[in-house]
Amino acid sequence: MTGYIIAAIVIMLIVLVLALFTISKGYAYKHTVDALPEQNEHNGDADNAHF
């Protein structure tokens, strides 16, 4: 019976460590945003007419 409790505690600790590691990596990730393409409002190009 104690073997099951020890195994459960070990599994819980492994899951906890992996969860904390994943959260830490997520917060450390540097998010970047691509620059918007430069648009000329009066270029007369119908392909670039986005509303």
N, C-alpha and C. Protein backbone atom coordinates (compact mmCIF):
# COMPACT_ATOMS: atom_id res chain seq x y z
N MET A 1 0.83 -1.20 0.00
CA MET A 1 0.00 0.00 0.00
C MET A 1 0.87 1.26 0.00
N THR A 2 1.93 1.25 0.79
CA THR A 2 2.80 2.43 0.82
C THR A 2 3.52 2.62 -0.51
N GLY A 3 3.72 1.54 -1.24
CA GLY A 3 4.36 1.65 -2.55
C GLY A 3 3.51 2.46 -3.51
N TYR A 4 2.18 2.26 -3.45
CA TYR A 4 1.28 3.02 -4.31
C TYR A 4 1.28 4.50 -3.95
N ILE A 5 1.33 4.79 -2.67
CA ILE A 5 1.35 6.19 -2.23
C ILE A 5 2.64 6.86 -2.67
N ILE A 6 3.75 6.18 -2.52
CA ILE A 6 5.04 6.74 -2.95
C ILE A 6 5.06 6.94 -4.46
N ALA A 7 4.53 5.97 -5.21
CA ALA A 7 4.48 6.09 -6.68
C ALA A 7 3.59 7.27 -7.08
N ALA A 8 2.46 7.44 -6.39
CA ALA A 8 1.56 8.55 -6.70
C ALA A 8 2.23 9.89 -6.41
N ILE A 9 2.95 9.98 -5.31
CA ILE A 9 3.64 11.22 -4.96
C ILE A 9 4.74 11.52 -5.98
N VAL A 10 5.47 10.51 -6.41
CA VAL A 10 6.52 10.71 -7.41
C VAL A 10 5.91 11.20 -8.72
N ILE A 11 4.81 10.58 -9.14
CA ILE A 11 4.15 11.00 -10.39
C ILE A 11 3.65 12.43 -10.26
N MET A 12 3.06 12.78 -9.10
CA MET A 12 2.58 14.14 -8.90
C MET A 12 3.72 15.14 -8.94
N LEU A 13 4.85 14.81 -8.36
CA LEU A 13 6.00 15.72 -8.40
C LEU A 13 6.53 15.89 -9.81
N ILE A 14 6.56 14.81 -10.58
CA ILE A 14 7.02 14.91 -11.98
C ILE A 14 6.08 15.81 -12.77
N VAL A 15 4.77 15.64 -12.60
CA VAL A 15 3.80 16.47 -13.31
C VAL A 15 3.94 17.93 -12.88
N LEU A 16 4.14 18.17 -11.59
CA LEU A 16 4.31 19.54 -11.09
C LEU A 16 5.54 20.19 -11.68
N VAL A 17 6.66 19.48 -11.70
CA VAL A 17 7.90 20.03 -12.25
C VAL A 17 7.74 20.32 -13.74
N LEU A 18 7.12 19.41 -14.49
CA LEU A 18 6.91 19.64 -15.92
C LEU A 18 5.97 20.82 -16.17
N ALA A 19 4.93 20.97 -15.35
CA ALA A 19 4.02 22.10 -15.51
C ALA A 19 4.73 23.42 -15.23
N LEU A 20 5.51 23.46 -14.16
CA LEU A 20 6.25 24.69 -13.85
C LEU A 20 7.28 25.02 -14.93
N PHE A 21 7.93 24.00 -15.46
CA PHE A 21 8.89 24.20 -16.54
C PHE A 21 8.21 24.77 -17.78
N THR A 22 7.04 24.22 -18.13
CA THR A 22 6.30 24.69 -19.30
C THR A 22 5.84 26.13 -19.12
N ILE A 23 5.33 26.45 -17.95
CA ILE A 23 4.89 27.83 -17.67
C ILE A 23 6.07 28.78 -17.74
N SER A 24 7.19 28.39 -17.19
CA SER A 24 8.39 29.23 -17.21
C SER A 24 8.85 29.49 -18.64
N LYS A 25 8.84 28.46 -19.48
CA LYS A 25 9.24 28.63 -20.88
C LYS A 25 8.25 29.54 -21.61
N GLY A 26 6.97 29.44 -21.28
CA GLY A 26 5.96 30.28 -21.92
C GLY A 26 6.14 31.75 -21.58
N TYR A 27 6.45 32.04 -20.33
CA TYR A 27 6.66 33.43 -19.94
C TYR A 27 7.97 33.97 -20.50
N ALA A 28 8.95 33.12 -20.74
CA ALA A 28 10.24 33.57 -21.25
C ALA A 28 10.22 33.78 -22.76
N TYR A 29 9.16 33.31 -23.44
CA TYR A 29 9.10 33.42 -24.90
C TYR A 29 8.95 34.87 -25.30
N LYS A 30 9.79 35.32 -26.26
CA LYS A 30 9.73 36.71 -26.72
C LYS A 30 8.81 36.78 -27.93
N HIS A 31 7.67 37.43 -27.75
CA HIS A 31 6.71 37.57 -28.83
C HIS A 31 7.13 38.72 -29.73
N THR A 32 6.98 38.54 -31.03
CA THR A 32 7.30 39.59 -31.98
C THR A 32 6.09 39.83 -32.88
N VAL A 33 5.99 41.05 -33.37
CA VAL A 33 4.92 41.43 -34.27
C VAL A 33 5.55 41.94 -35.55
N ASP A 34 5.10 41.41 -36.68
CA ASP A 34 5.62 41.88 -37.96
C ASP A 34 5.14 43.30 -38.22
N ALA A 35 6.00 44.09 -38.83
CA ALA A 35 5.64 45.46 -39.17
C ALA A 35 4.59 45.45 -40.27
N LEU A 36 3.69 46.42 -40.20
CA LEU A 36 2.67 46.53 -41.24
C LEU A 36 3.33 47.02 -42.52
N PRO A 37 2.88 46.50 -43.66
CA PRO A 37 3.45 47.00 -44.92
C PRO A 37 3.04 48.45 -45.14
N GLU A 38 3.95 49.21 -45.70
CA GLU A 38 3.68 50.62 -45.95
C GLU A 38 2.68 50.74 -47.10
N GLN A 39 1.58 51.45 -46.86
CA GLN A 39 0.54 51.58 -47.88
C GLN A 39 0.35 53.05 -48.22
N ASN A 40 0.21 53.31 -49.51
CA ASN A 40 -0.08 54.65 -49.99
C ASN A 40 -1.58 54.72 -50.22
N GLU A 41 -2.27 55.67 -49.58
CA GLU A 41 -3.72 55.73 -49.68
C GLU A 41 -4.19 56.14 -51.08
N HIS A 42 -3.38 56.83 -51.84
CA HIS A 42 -3.80 57.35 -53.13
C HIS A 42 -3.00 56.75 -54.27
N ASN A 43 -2.71 55.45 -54.21
CA ASN A 43 -1.91 54.87 -55.27
C ASN A 43 -2.76 54.36 -56.42
N GLY A 44 -4.08 54.25 -56.26
CA GLY A 44 -4.95 53.85 -57.34
C GLY A 44 -4.88 52.37 -57.68
N ASP A 45 -4.23 51.58 -56.88
CA ASP A 45 -4.10 50.15 -57.14
C ASP A 45 -5.28 49.42 -56.51
N ALA A 46 -6.09 48.75 -57.32
CA ALA A 46 -7.28 48.07 -56.82
C ALA A 46 -6.93 46.85 -55.98
N ASP A 47 -5.77 46.25 -56.21
CA ASP A 47 -5.38 45.07 -55.44
C ASP A 47 -5.09 45.41 -53.98
N ASN A 48 -4.69 46.63 -53.71
CA ASN A 48 -4.35 47.03 -52.34
C ASN A 48 -5.49 47.76 -51.65
N ALA A 49 -6.69 47.69 -52.20
CA ALA A 49 -7.84 48.38 -51.63
C ALA A 49 -8.46 47.51 -50.54
N HIS A 50 -7.89 47.53 -49.35
CA HIS A 50 -8.42 46.76 -48.23
C HIS A 50 -9.20 47.69 -47.34
N PHE A 51 -10.34 47.22 -46.88
CA PHE A 51 -11.19 48.03 -46.02
C PHE A 51 -11.15 47.52 -44.62
